[in-house]
Protein backbone atom coordinates (compact mmCIF):
# COMPACT_ATOMS: atom_id res chain seq x y z
CA UNK A 1 -30.58 5.94 -23.57
CA UNK A 2 -31.93 2.39 -23.56
CA UNK A 3 -32.55 0.71 -20.16
CA UNK A 4 -29.71 -1.79 -20.56
CA UNK A 5 -27.25 0.96 -21.51
CA UNK A 6 -28.51 3.15 -18.68
CA UNK A 7 -27.93 0.35 -16.14
CA UNK A 8 -24.48 -0.33 -17.61
CA UNK A 9 -23.61 3.37 -17.42
CA UNK A 10 -24.70 3.56 -13.77
CA UNK A 11 -22.67 0.46 -12.91
CA UNK A 12 -19.55 1.88 -14.59
CA UNK A 13 -19.94 5.23 -12.81
CA UNK A 14 -20.53 3.49 -9.46
CA UNK A 15 -17.47 1.29 -9.95
CA UNK A 16 -15.39 4.34 -10.85
CA UNK A 17 -16.52 6.18 -7.74
CA UNK A 18 -15.77 3.20 -5.52
CA UNK A 19 -12.30 2.89 -7.02
CA UNK A 20 -11.73 6.65 -6.68
CA UNK A 21 -12.74 6.85 -3.01
CA UNK A 22 -10.95 3.59 -2.33
CA UNK A 23 -7.78 5.18 -3.67
CA UNK A 24 -8.28 8.16 -1.35
CA UNK A 25 -8.55 5.83 1.65
CA UNK A 26 -5.48 3.94 0.47
CA UNK A 27 -3.49 7.18 0.11
CA UNK A 28 -4.57 8.36 3.58
CA UNK A 29 -3.56 5.06 5.18
CA UNK A 30 -0.25 4.94 3.26
CA UNK A 31 0.71 8.51 4.21
CA UNK A 32 -0.14 7.96 7.88
CA UNK A 33 1.65 4.62 8.20
CA UNK A 34 4.78 5.61 6.28
CA UNK A 35 5.02 8.98 8.08
CA UNK A 36 4.77 7.31 11.48
CA UNK A 37 7.41 4.73 10.55
CA UNK A 38 9.79 7.27 9.01
CA UNK A 39 9.52 9.83 11.82
CA UNK A 40 9.05 7.36 14.70
CA UNK A 41 6.35 9.75 15.84
CA UNK A 42 2.60 9.21 15.61
CA UNK A 43 1.14 11.04 12.61
CA UNK A 44 -2.50 11.44 11.66
CA UNK A 45 -4.23 12.68 8.52
CA UNK A 46 -7.91 13.55 8.42
CA UNK A 47 -8.38 13.08 4.68
CA UNK A 48 -6.69 12.70 1.31
CA UNK A 49 -8.33 13.64 -1.98
CA UNK A 50 -6.85 12.88 -5.38
CA UNK A 51 -8.41 14.93 -8.18
CA UNK A 52 -9.79 12.87 -11.08
CA UNK A 53 -8.29 15.38 -13.51
CA UNK A 54 -5.40 17.80 -13.12
CA UNK A 55 -2.89 15.86 -11.00
CA UNK A 56 -3.80 17.48 -7.67
CA UNK A 57 -3.58 15.75 -4.30
CA UNK A 58 -5.15 17.53 -1.34
CA UNK A 59 -4.35 16.51 2.23
CA UNK A 60 -6.26 17.96 5.17
CA UNK A 61 -5.25 18.26 8.80
CA UNK A 62 -1.89 16.45 8.93
CA UNK A 63 -0.43 16.25 12.47
CA UNK A 64 2.90 15.05 13.84
CA UNK A 65 2.96 14.20 17.55
CA UNK A 66 5.52 15.61 19.96
CA UNK A 67 8.41 13.38 21.06
CA UNK A 68 7.99 11.60 24.37
CA UNK A 69 8.49 13.87 27.38
CA UNK A 70 6.99 17.04 25.86
CA UNK A 71 3.65 18.56 26.84
CA UNK A 72 2.16 19.62 23.49
CA UNK A 73 0.04 16.89 21.84
CA UNK A 74 1.41 17.84 18.42
CA UNK A 75 4.76 19.32 17.48
CA UNK A 76 3.63 20.21 13.94
CA UNK A 77 0.16 20.72 12.49
CA UNK A 78 -0.61 21.42 8.84
CA UNK A 79 -4.06 22.76 8.04
CA UNK A 80 -3.88 21.72 4.42
CA UNK A 81 -1.43 20.48 1.78
CA UNK A 82 -1.92 21.00 -1.95
CA UNK A 83 0.34 18.68 -3.93
CA UNK A 84 0.90 19.14 -7.66
CA UNK A 85 1.99 15.78 -9.07
CA UNK A 86 1.43 13.74 -12.22
CA UNK A 87 -0.35 10.44 -11.73
CA UNK A 88 2.43 8.50 -13.41
CA UNK A 89 4.92 9.88 -10.88
CA UNK A 90 3.05 8.34 -7.93
CA UNK A 91 4.55 4.96 -8.85
CA UNK A 92 8.05 6.26 -9.56
CA UNK A 93 10.98 5.96 -7.20
CA UNK A 94 11.55 8.66 -6.12
CA UNK A 95 8.21 10.42 -6.61
CA UNK A 96 8.81 13.67 -8.47
CA UNK A 97 6.58 16.48 -7.18
CA UNK A 98 6.29 19.84 -8.93
CA UNK A 99 5.12 21.76 -5.88
CA UNK A 100 3.65 21.44 -2.41
CA UNK A 101 1.81 24.31 -0.70
CA UNK A 102 1.43 24.05 3.09
CA UNK A 103 -1.46 26.14 4.40
CA UNK A 104 -1.29 27.51 7.94
CA UNK A 105 1.41 25.23 9.37
CA UNK A 106 1.75 25.51 13.14
CA UNK A 107 4.98 24.51 14.86
CA UNK A 108 5.24 24.25 18.66
CA UNK A 109 8.71 24.64 20.16
CA UNK A 110 9.29 23.64 23.78
CA UNK A 111 12.09 22.39 25.98
CA UNK A 112 12.27 19.41 28.32
CA UNK A 113 15.29 18.32 30.38
CA UNK A 114 17.50 20.80 28.53
CA UNK A 115 16.54 19.53 25.05
CA UNK A 116 14.41 21.28 22.44
CA UNK A 117 11.61 19.14 20.97
CA UNK A 118 12.58 19.31 17.29
CA UNK A 119 16.16 18.30 18.08
CA UNK A 120 14.86 15.44 20.23
CA UNK A 121 12.67 14.36 17.32
CA UNK A 122 15.68 14.35 14.99
CA UNK A 123 17.69 12.25 17.44
CA UNK A 124 14.90 9.67 17.67
CA UNK A 125 14.51 9.12 13.95
CA UNK A 126 15.96 6.07 12.17
CA UNK A 127 19.61 6.53 11.24
CA UNK A 128 19.27 4.75 7.90
CA UNK A 129 19.59 6.87 4.77
CA UNK A 130 16.64 7.72 2.56
CA UNK A 131 17.42 4.89 0.10
CA UNK A 132 16.06 2.47 2.73
CA UNK A 133 12.72 4.29 2.95
CA UNK A 134 9.67 2.95 1.06
CA UNK A 135 8.66 6.43 -0.09
CA UNK A 136 11.17 9.02 -1.31
CA UNK A 137 10.51 12.35 -2.99
CA UNK A 138 12.08 15.07 -5.08
CA UNK A 139 10.17 18.33 -4.58
CA UNK A 140 10.82 21.27 -6.89
CA UNK A 141 9.12 23.85 -4.66
CA UNK A 142 7.71 23.67 -1.16
CA UNK A 143 5.78 26.77 -0.08
CA UNK A 144 4.76 27.57 3.50
CA UNK A 145 1.92 30.07 3.82
CA UNK A 146 0.59 31.88 6.93
CA UNK A 147 2.62 29.81 9.38
CA UNK A 148 2.81 30.22 13.14
CA UNK A 149 5.57 29.18 15.52
CA UNK A 150 4.40 28.83 19.13
CA UNK A 151 7.15 29.22 21.75
CA UNK A 152 6.20 27.63 25.06
CA UNK A 153 7.04 29.02 28.52
CA UNK A 154 10.06 27.31 30.03
CA UNK A 155 12.27 28.14 27.08
CA UNK A 156 15.11 30.52 28.04
CA UNK A 157 13.81 34.00 28.78
CA UNK A 158 10.12 33.09 28.38
CA UNK A 159 7.54 33.46 31.13
CA UNK A 160 4.58 33.42 28.79
CA UNK A 161 3.76 31.81 25.46
CA UNK A 162 4.82 33.73 22.34
CA UNK A 163 3.26 33.20 18.92
CA UNK A 164 5.56 34.25 16.07
CA UNK A 165 3.89 34.69 12.65
CA UNK A 166 5.86 33.52 9.61
CA UNK A 167 3.98 34.90 6.58
CA UNK A 168 5.72 32.81 3.92
CA UNK A 169 8.77 30.65 3.22
CA UNK A 170 9.93 28.97 0.02
CA UNK A 171 12.13 25.87 -0.08
CA UNK A 172 13.46 24.56 -3.39
CA UNK A 173 14.86 21.32 -4.82
CA UNK A 174 14.29 19.14 -1.77
CA UNK A 175 15.68 15.65 -2.28
CA UNK A 176 17.96 16.63 -5.13
CA UNK A 177 21.60 17.60 -5.35
CA UNK A 178 24.80 15.98 -4.20
CA UNK A 179 24.35 13.49 -1.37
CA UNK A 180 20.55 13.46 -1.65
CA UNK A 181 20.68 9.68 -2.23
CA UNK A 182 17.92 9.52 -4.83
CA UNK A 183 15.28 11.61 -3.10
CA UNK A 184 14.31 12.66 0.41
CA UNK A 185 12.50 10.44 2.91
CA UNK A 186 9.40 11.72 4.72
CA UNK A 187 11.45 12.34 7.87
CA UNK A 188 13.91 14.50 5.91
CA UNK A 189 11.15 16.61 4.34
CA UNK A 190 9.43 17.07 7.70
CA UNK A 191 12.65 18.13 9.42
CA UNK A 192 13.51 20.57 6.63
CA UNK A 193 10.09 22.22 7.14
CA UNK A 194 10.38 22.23 10.94
CA UNK A 195 13.94 23.56 10.91
CA UNK A 196 13.11 26.31 8.43
CA UNK A 197 10.15 27.42 10.55
CA UNK A 198 12.21 27.39 13.74
CA UNK A 199 14.95 29.35 12.01
CA UNK A 200 12.52 31.98 10.72
CA UNK A 201 11.01 32.37 14.20
CA UNK A 202 14.49 32.83 15.69
CA UNK A 203 14.91 35.99 13.61
CA UNK A 204 11.84 37.65 15.12
CA UNK A 205 12.41 40.72 17.27
CA UNK A 206 9.91 39.32 19.78
CA UNK A 207 12.28 36.50 20.74
CA UNK A 208 14.53 37.16 23.78
CA UNK A 209 18.27 37.10 23.11
CA UNK A 210 18.95 33.98 25.18
CA UNK A 211 16.20 32.04 23.37
CA UNK A 212 17.43 33.35 20.02
CA UNK A 213 20.85 31.86 20.79
CA UNK A 214 19.30 28.52 21.73
CA UNK A 215 17.24 28.39 18.52
CA UNK A 216 20.22 29.39 16.38
CA UNK A 217 22.31 26.58 17.83
CA UNK A 218 19.66 23.88 17.56
CA UNK A 219 18.57 24.88 14.06
CA UNK A 220 22.18 24.83 12.93
CA UNK A 221 22.86 21.39 14.40
CA UNK A 222 19.67 19.82 13.03
CA UNK A 223 20.23 21.36 9.59
CA UNK A 224 23.78 19.99 9.58
CA UNK A 225 22.47 16.52 10.45
CA UNK A 226 20.26 16.63 7.35
CA UNK A 227 23.29 17.08 5.07
CA UNK A 228 24.89 19.85 3.05
CA UNK A 229 22.18 20.11 0.38
CA UNK A 230 19.35 20.36 2.90
CA UNK A 231 21.39 22.89 4.87
CA UNK A 232 21.74 25.04 1.75
CA UNK A 233 18.00 24.85 1.10
CA UNK A 234 17.18 25.89 4.66
CA UNK A 235 19.79 28.68 4.55
CA UNK A 236 18.24 30.08 1.37
CA UNK A 237 14.78 30.16 2.98
CA UNK A 238 15.72 31.52 6.43
CA UNK A 239 16.26 35.29 6.70
CA UNK A 240 18.85 37.28 8.63
CA UNK A 241 22.09 36.28 10.28
CA UNK A 242 21.00 32.68 10.88
CA UNK A 243 20.52 32.13 7.15
CA UNK A 244 23.92 33.66 6.49
CA UNK A 245 25.56 31.50 9.15
CA UNK A 246 23.94 28.33 7.78
CA UNK A 247 25.10 29.22 4.29
CA UNK A 248 28.70 29.62 5.49
CA UNK A 249 28.60 26.39 7.46
CA UNK A 250 27.06 24.34 4.62
CA UNK A 251 30.52 23.64 3.20
CA UNK A 252 31.36 21.50 6.23
CA UNK A 253 28.13 20.33 7.91
CA UNK A 254 29.94 17.82 10.13
CA UNK A 255 31.84 20.69 11.75
CA UNK A 256 28.58 22.17 13.03
CA UNK A 257 27.70 18.91 14.74
CA UNK A 258 31.14 18.39 16.30
CA UNK A 259 31.96 21.98 17.29
CA UNK A 260 29.07 24.38 16.62
CA UNK A 261 30.65 27.43 18.21
CA UNK A 262 33.78 27.22 16.09
CA UNK A 263 32.01 26.24 12.86
CA UNK A 264 29.54 29.12 13.09
CA UNK A 265 31.97 31.90 14.01
CA UNK A 266 31.46 34.91 11.82
CA UNK A 267 27.78 34.04 11.45
CA UNK A 268 25.64 32.51 14.16
CA UNK A 269 28.77 31.98 16.28
CA UNK A 270 29.17 35.73 16.75
CA UNK A 271 25.70 35.85 18.25
CA UNK A 272 26.58 33.00 20.56
CA UNK A 273 29.59 34.90 21.82
CA UNK A 274 32.24 33.38 19.52
CA UNK A 275 35.12 31.49 21.12
CA UNK A 276 34.01 32.32 24.63
CA UNK A 277 31.04 30.01 24.26
CA UNK A 278 32.61 27.21 22.19
CA UNK A 279 32.29 24.91 25.19
CA UNK A 280 28.52 25.37 25.59
CA UNK A 281 26.76 21.98 25.71
CA UNK A 282 25.22 20.92 22.38
CA UNK A 283 21.56 21.86 22.18
CA UNK A 284 21.71 24.37 25.01
CA UNK A 285 22.01 28.12 24.99
CA UNK A 286 25.22 29.61 26.41
CA UNK A 287 24.95 31.10 29.89
CA UNK A 288 23.99 34.79 29.94
CA UNK A 289 26.78 37.28 30.45
CA UNK A 290 26.94 38.76 33.92
């Protein structure tokens, strides 16, 4: 290779590398800023790497802060995210993503002033629909691998911290279906993940009955707030009676918000004590039977 060509080749490669790593920094900044705005919770991302070939985006150490008033620094931590997406789709609206794999997600659930943190987070998010969000997504498959749900002392029936392993969950067709409003906003995707993890933890035999009732109620109400399609997706991923109750209630999600005890009778409502506990305050477990 002649000297002039060699210099030109080095310049082209250097320019390509600068553009490539500049894009990574841009993606990291965009994900952090849009996540924080959508969730109204501080979010941080250690790094973003877009593969030159193959349409792979890798995100490392993504963290969502706890709502104000809760002790844990982060409500949700994701060790890694592998995103399978075509480059051309990154500019589309909504972005169409083939699959996302979440590695070792860690959800902390705690209670403050009678409210569970993930329900408090949902209440604090913007009320506008996803069409107003700058970034919206349709995700064919979202896989959660080797997750942990940490239940803090102070929750009903807990004197010590409990860590509930959730080996795997699969969520499908997020941001699609009736009422999806042309894709899901970041806040909707995050709450689908958080609610599914909380629901799976609620089915663990290690969870005391009173706490199980509290989680069932809050998961049901938050899922209903996300809409019927999201509720169906969460119901399909969550095992046991909670998944069955969510599936039954998906036909009328507003009923779960207005009157959870009545709407969930025959499913989660039976666990809550049916009609006897219809008057339990929203977001709180019913009083234990004496």
